Protein backbone atom coordinates (compact mmCIF):
# COMPACT_ATOMS: atom_id res chain seq x y z
CA MET A 1 0.12 -0.25 0.32
CA PRO A 2 1.59 3.44 -0.73
CA VAL A 3 2.68 5.58 2.12
CA CYS A 4 0.39 8.15 1.47
CA LEU A 5 -2.57 5.89 1.65
CA VAL A 6 -1.58 4.41 5.03
CA ILE A 7 -1.08 8.09 6.18
CA ARG A 8 -4.48 9.27 5.27
CA ASP A 9 -5.82 6.01 6.87
CA THR A 10 -3.97 6.72 9.90
CA TYR A 11 -5.36 10.63 10.11
CA LEU A 12 -8.74 9.06 8.83
CA ASP A 13 -9.05 6.72 12.00
CA ALA A 14 -7.63 9.92 14.80
CA TYR A 15 -10.42 11.61 13.25
CA LEU A 16 -13.16 9.15 13.78
CA ALA A 17 -12.42 8.08 16.95
CA ASN A 18 -12.04 12.15 18.18
CA SER A 19 -15.75 12.48 16.52
CA PHE A 20 -16.53 9.71 18.76
CA ILE A 21 -15.33 11.09 22.00
CA GLU A 22 -16.78 14.50 21.26
CA LEU A 23 -20.23 13.30 20.31
CA GLU A 24 -19.98 11.18 23.29
CA ILE A 25 -19.16 13.24 25.72
CA SER A 26 -21.45 16.14 24.00
CA ARG A 27 -24.29 13.88 25.17
CA LYS A 28 -23.66 14.10 28.60
CA LYS A 29 -26.89 16.45 29.93
CA LEU A 30 -25.02 19.20 31.45
CA GLY A 31 -28.35 20.41 33.28
CA ASN A 32 -27.71 18.74 37.06
CA PRO A 33 -23.78 19.45 38.06
CA LEU A 34 -24.58 17.48 41.24
CA LEU A 35 -25.43 14.34 38.62
CA GLN A 36 -21.85 15.08 36.84
CA LEU A 37 -19.99 15.30 39.77
CA ARG A 38 -21.32 11.86 41.30
CA LEU A 39 -19.88 10.55 38.25
CA VAL A 40 -16.40 11.67 38.33
CA CYS A 41 -16.27 10.64 41.82
CA ASN A 42 -16.85 7.10 40.61
CA SER A 43 -14.60 7.14 37.90
CA PRO A 44 -13.65 9.50 34.66
CA HIS A 45 -14.61 6.38 32.73
CA ASN A 46 -18.35 7.97 33.04
CA PHE A 47 -17.68 10.42 30.32
CA TYR A 48 -15.79 8.31 27.91
CA ASN A 49 -15.92 4.49 27.84
CA PRO A 50 -13.90 3.05 25.43
CA TRP A 51 -14.42 -0.19 25.64
CA ALA A 52 -18.01 0.65 25.33
CA ALA A 53 -17.00 2.63 21.85
CA ASP A 54 -14.66 0.10 20.37
CA ALA A 55 -15.60 -3.70 21.43
CA GLY A 56 -12.64 -5.19 20.25
CA ALA A 57 -10.10 -2.93 22.73
CA PRO A 58 -9.07 -5.00 25.31
CA VAL A 59 -9.44 -4.11 29.32
CA ASP A 60 -6.38 -2.79 30.73
CA GLU A 61 -5.24 -1.75 34.21
CA SER A 62 -6.54 1.72 33.29
CA ILE A 63 -10.07 1.05 34.10
CA VAL A 64 -8.44 0.67 37.74
CA THR A 65 -6.22 3.35 38.13
CA ALA A 66 -8.16 5.88 36.82
CA SER A 67 -10.44 5.69 39.78
CA GLY A 68 -9.51 5.70 43.28
CA LYS A 69 -12.89 3.47 44.39
CA MET A 70 -12.00 1.04 42.11
CA LEU A 71 -8.38 0.78 43.74
CA LEU A 72 -10.12 0.15 46.62
CA LEU A 73 -12.37 -2.44 45.32
CA ASP A 74 -9.71 -4.09 43.36
CA ARG A 75 -7.74 -4.77 46.76
CA LEU A 76 -11.16 -5.50 48.72
CA LEU A 77 -12.69 -8.14 46.24
CA PRO A 78 -9.99 -10.64 45.87
CA SER A 79 -9.73 -10.78 49.49
CA LEU A 80 -13.40 -11.57 50.06
CA PHE A 81 -13.17 -14.30 48.07
CA LYS A 82 -10.20 -15.92 49.03
CA LYS A 83 -12.46 -15.95 52.44
CA GLY A 84 -15.31 -17.68 50.72
CA HIS A 85 -17.61 -15.02 50.71
CA LYS A 86 -20.79 -13.88 47.94
CA VAL A 87 -21.00 -9.80 47.70
CA LEU A 88 -23.53 -7.85 46.33
CA ILE A 89 -22.73 -4.04 44.73
CA PHE A 90 -24.80 -1.67 44.16
CA SER A 91 -24.29 1.47 42.09
CA GLN A 92 -26.91 4.44 40.58
CA PHE A 93 -25.22 4.36 36.69
CA LYS A 94 -25.67 2.19 34.40
CA THR A 95 -22.47 3.47 32.94
CA GLN A 96 -20.87 2.47 36.34
CA LEU A 97 -21.85 -0.69 36.16
CA ASP A 98 -20.81 -1.44 32.44
CA ILE A 99 -17.59 -0.26 33.87
CA LEU A 100 -17.70 -2.44 36.72
CA GLU A 101 -18.64 -5.77 34.54
CA ASP A 102 -15.52 -5.16 32.14
CA TYR A 103 -13.36 -4.61 35.57
CA CYS A 104 -15.08 -8.45 36.79
CA ARG A 105 -15.72 -9.49 33.71
CA GLU A 106 -12.79 -9.07 31.24
CA LEU A 107 -10.29 -8.09 33.56
CA ARG A 108 -10.22 -10.18 36.67
CA LYS A 109 -11.95 -13.12 34.76
CA TRP A 110 -14.65 -13.50 37.40
CA ASN A 111 -17.81 -15.02 36.72
CA LEU A 112 -20.66 -12.61 37.60
CA CYS A 113 -24.45 -11.78 37.23
CA ARG A 114 -26.02 -8.25 36.87
CA ILE A 115 -29.51 -7.00 37.67
CA ASP A 116 -30.33 -3.16 35.85
CA GLY A 117 -34.07 -1.47 34.60
CA GLY A 118 -33.07 -3.15 31.38
CA VAL A 119 -32.85 -7.29 32.68
CA ALA A 120 -36.21 -9.22 31.34
CA GLN A 121 -37.93 -10.72 34.68
CA GLU A 122 -36.64 -14.12 33.20
CA ASP A 123 -33.71 -13.24 32.59
CA ARG A 124 -34.03 -11.68 36.50
CA ARG A 125 -35.29 -15.07 38.15
CA ASP A 126 -32.35 -17.01 36.31
CA GLN A 127 -29.77 -15.17 37.65
CA ILE A 128 -31.18 -15.41 41.21
CA HIS A 129 -31.49 -18.92 41.33
CA GLU A 130 -27.64 -19.77 39.29
CA PHE A 131 -26.41 -16.76 42.46
CA ASN A 132 -28.05 -18.62 45.33
CA THR A 133 -27.24 -21.84 44.54
CA ASN A 134 -23.92 -22.16 42.49
CA PRO A 135 -21.21 -21.26 45.06
CA LYS A 136 -18.55 -20.34 42.02
CA MET A 137 -20.85 -17.44 41.38
CA LYS A 138 -19.57 -15.19 43.92
CA LEU A 139 -20.78 -11.55 42.87
CA PHE A 140 -24.07 -9.72 41.69
CA LEU A 141 -24.24 -6.12 39.82
CA LEU A 142 -27.22 -4.61 40.40
CA SER A 143 -28.95 -1.30 40.17
CA THR A 144 -29.34 0.26 43.43
CA ARG A 145 -33.39 1.53 42.06
CA ALA A 146 -33.65 -1.79 39.75
CA GLY A 147 -32.29 -4.11 42.13
CA GLY A 148 -33.18 -2.94 45.70
CA GLN A 149 -36.81 -4.13 46.04
CA GLY A 150 -37.99 -7.55 46.26
CA ILE A 151 -35.11 -9.59 45.05
CA ASN A 152 -34.05 -13.18 47.72
CA LEU A 153 -30.07 -12.79 47.93
CA ALA A 154 -29.69 -14.46 51.06
CA SER A 155 -26.96 -16.61 49.75
CA ALA A 156 -24.51 -12.81 49.78
CA ASP A 157 -22.96 -11.87 52.82
CA THR A 158 -20.96 -9.16 51.74
CA VAL A 159 -22.69 -5.74 50.55
CA ILE A 160 -21.11 -2.74 48.47
CA LEU A 161 -22.00 0.42 48.03
CA PHE A 162 -20.55 1.89 44.80
CA ASP A 163 -22.48 4.86 45.55
CA SER A 164 -25.19 6.52 47.57
CA ASP A 165 -28.39 7.73 46.85
CA TRP A 166 -29.88 11.14 48.22
CA ASN A 167 -32.76 9.07 50.08
CA PRO A 168 -31.10 6.95 52.40
CA GLN A 169 -34.48 4.52 52.33
CA GLN A 170 -33.11 4.02 49.05
CA ASP A 171 -29.59 2.18 50.20
CA LEU A 172 -30.89 0.70 53.30
CA GLN A 173 -33.65 -1.11 50.36
CA ALA A 174 -30.53 -2.34 48.44
CA GLN A 175 -28.75 -4.01 51.59
CA ASP A 176 -32.02 -5.19 52.66
CA ARG A 177 -31.25 -7.96 49.89
CA ALA A 178 -29.05 -9.90 51.43
CA HIS A 179 -30.53 -9.79 54.49
CA ARG A 180 -33.47 -11.76 53.98
CA ILE A 181 -35.33 -15.08 55.12
CA GLY A 182 -32.91 -17.60 55.00
CA GLN A 183 -29.33 -15.51 55.65
CA THR A 184 -27.31 -17.76 58.10
CA ARG A 185 -24.30 -15.68 58.81
CA PRO A 186 -23.39 -11.68 59.54
CA VAL A 187 -23.64 -9.27 56.84
CA ILE A 188 -21.19 -5.92 56.32
CA VAL A 189 -21.65 -3.37 54.09
CA TYR A 190 -19.13 -1.07 52.39
CA ARG A 191 -20.24 1.91 51.72
CA LEU A 192 -17.22 4.05 49.01
CA ALA A 193 -17.09 7.13 49.22
CA THR A 194 -15.10 10.23 48.30
CA LYS A 195 -13.77 12.60 50.78
CA GLY A 196 -13.71 16.37 50.31
CA THR A 197 -15.94 15.98 47.00
CA VAL A 198 -20.42 16.42 46.21
CA GLU A 199 -19.99 12.88 48.00
CA GLU A 200 -19.52 14.19 51.41
CA SER A 201 -22.24 16.48 51.10
CA LEU A 202 -24.69 13.65 49.80
CA LEU A 203 -23.60 11.60 52.86
CA LEU A 204 -24.40 14.06 55.05
CA SER A 205 -28.00 14.81 54.10
CA ALA A 206 -28.56 11.29 54.13
CA ASP A 207 -27.31 11.01 57.69
CA ALA A 208 -29.43 13.53 58.77
CA LYS A 209 -32.47 12.70 57.40
CA ARG A 210 -31.85 9.23 59.49
CA ARG A 211 -31.33 10.85 62.53
CA LEU A 212 -34.28 12.61 62.37
CA GLU A 213 -36.48 9.30 61.86
CA LYS A 214 -34.59 7.51 64.56
CA LEU A 215 -35.97 10.32 66.44
CA VAL A 216 -39.22 10.85 65.61
CA ILE A 217 -40.03 7.29 65.49
CA LYS A 218 -38.42 6.92 68.82
CA LYS A 219 -40.36 9.53 70.23
CA GLY A 220 -44.04 8.34 68.91
CA GLY A 221 -43.41 4.98 69.76
CA PHE A 222 -45.21 3.09 66.71
CA LYS A 223 -47.94 3.91 68.79
CA SER A 224 -51.21 3.46 66.87
CA MET A 225 -54.28 6.04 66.50
CA ALA A 226 -56.28 3.98 69.15
CA GLN A 227 -53.36 4.06 71.48
CA LYS A 228 -52.38 7.30 73.54
CA ILE A 229 -49.14 9.13 73.38
CA ASP A 230 -47.57 10.50 75.59
CA LEU A 231 -46.29 14.06 73.81
CA GLU A 232 -44.67 14.61 77.46
CA GLU A 233 -42.06 11.98 77.38
CA SER A 234 -38.70 13.27 77.33
CA LEU A 235 -35.76 11.00 76.49
CA ASP A 236 -32.96 10.48 78.78
CA LYS A 237 -29.16 10.82 77.61
CA ASP A 238 -28.26 7.09 76.79
CA THR A 239 -31.06 6.61 75.00
CA LEU A 240 -30.60 9.75 72.88
CA GLN A 241 -26.45 9.09 72.41
CA THR A 242 -27.68 5.63 70.79
CA LEU A 243 -30.26 7.38 68.43
CA LEU A 244 -27.78 9.51 67.48
CA LEU A 245 -25.18 6.92 66.66
CA LYS A 246 -24.26 7.13 63.02
CA ASP A 247 -25.10 3.81 61.46
CA GLY A 248 -21.86 3.61 60.03
CA GLU A 249 -18.11 3.91 60.86
CA VAL A 250 -14.83 5.59 58.75
CA TYR A 251 -12.12 3.45 58.37
CA GLN A 252 -8.57 5.54 58.21
CA PHE A 253 -6.35 3.13 56.36
CA SER A 254 -3.04 2.63 57.81
CA GLY A 255 -0.72 2.70 54.50
CA ASP A 256 1.17 5.68 53.08
CA LYS A 257 1.82 4.67 49.25
CA GLU A 258 -0.45 1.13 49.69
CA VAL A 259 -4.09 1.08 48.98
CA LEU A 260 -5.03 -0.96 51.78
CA SER A 261 -2.83 -3.09 53.48
CA ASN A 262 -2.55 -6.43 54.71
CA LYS A 263 -3.03 -5.04 58.03
CA ASP A 264 -6.42 -2.79 56.69
CA LEU A 265 -7.69 -6.00 55.21
CA GLN A 266 -7.25 -7.79 58.36
CA VAL A 267 -9.44 -5.17 60.73
CA LEU A 268 -12.37 -4.88 57.48
CA ASN A 269 -12.56 -8.41 57.16
CA ASP A 270 -13.01 -9.22 60.71
CA ARG A 271 -16.21 -10.48 61.38
CA SER A 272 -15.88 -11.65 64.67
CA ASP A 273 -18.29 -11.51 68.07
CA GLU A 274 -16.23 -8.59 69.53
CA ALA A 275 -15.94 -7.00 66.27
CA TYR A 276 -19.58 -6.46 65.99
CA ALA A 277 -20.29 -5.52 70.05
CA THR A 278 -17.21 -2.91 69.10
CA ALA A 279 -18.60 -1.24 66.26
CA ALA A 280 -22.00 -1.42 67.56
CA ALA A 281 -21.21 0.01 70.75
CA GLY A 282 -19.33 3.02 68.58
CA HIS A 283 -16.14 2.54 69.96
CA GLY A 284 -14.69 1.39 66.78
CA ASN A 285 -11.26 3.15 67.93
CA ALA A 286 -9.71 0.39 69.13
CA LEU A 287 -10.05 -1.85 66.04
CA GLY A 288 -8.64 0.89 63.65
CA PHE A 289 -12.00 2.49 63.17
CA GLN A 290 -12.67 6.13 64.03
CA VAL A 291 -16.26 6.82 64.64
CA VAL A 292 -17.55 10.27 63.56
CA GLU A 293 -19.91 13.08 63.90
CA THR A 294 -22.38 14.86 61.37
CA GLY A 295 -22.51 18.71 62.05
CA VAL A 296 -23.44 21.86 60.04
CA ASP A 297 -19.55 21.77 59.02
CA GLY A 298 -19.13 19.11 57.72
CA ILE A 299 -18.14 15.18 59.17
CA ARG A 300 -15.45 15.31 62.17
CA ALA A 301 -13.86 12.89 64.38
CA THR A 302 -15.57 12.05 67.87
CA GLY A 303 -13.69 14.71 69.86
CA ILE A 304 -11.46 16.38 67.70
CA ALA A 305 -11.94 19.96 66.87
CA ALA A 306 -13.06 21.39 63.15
């Protein structure tokens, strides 16, 4: 082939590739900047996914290294699988599920199931049955809205919330997929979030809603209309502190250059009765966790001035 034709084809391929990238990015609706910022926190590939654009392109390590959350996930999942745990991963975004599927299936060669809004009911039933009955099927990807209700995945004992919802009830319903009849093991929920970003504001809002909900429910005591509600009833100090405890704890990793050290993984994977009792009491510091408080000035560690 003449050299001029080779050069022409090279420039043509580059032009088409750039045009496709520009077209895909232009389709992103910037009317909701908070939504775009949440996508940025998950992975930059939510704006341009080269593996979706070119089905023949091999998935490489950049799918992991481009995102802090993916780096954490890449360190955590092998440790969970090694210990025999089954994992549910929830995300709000279909594009993020596409990235996670490419990472798991193409790069790490893990078998997985997936449910999102585009999966038919029959396929859902088949995948749920496969996940619950096949011990080699250890990973299930679900969208928080489509996979958060009416699904029994009690064979899983680990839930990872890759991103959170403004409505905390949506995340709670997603977690309940593993807390179903037939569950015989303790369930651990990991919530991934990026500090100093819009996700911190999201968690502050969701946490405030949960605390208010707890106080309202406790004050009303679930009394029916036929029951007398004592409006003068006050909460003692211990009860109030228990209600205001956060639903989870923030883990401060010990490494400097490592994403998660072996010691970090050991702490995160600790499912002993002592670890659960310590976390439930809000005294997680002894195990490498840091109990946090939520205020108008942001999230801060207990006992540390803002």
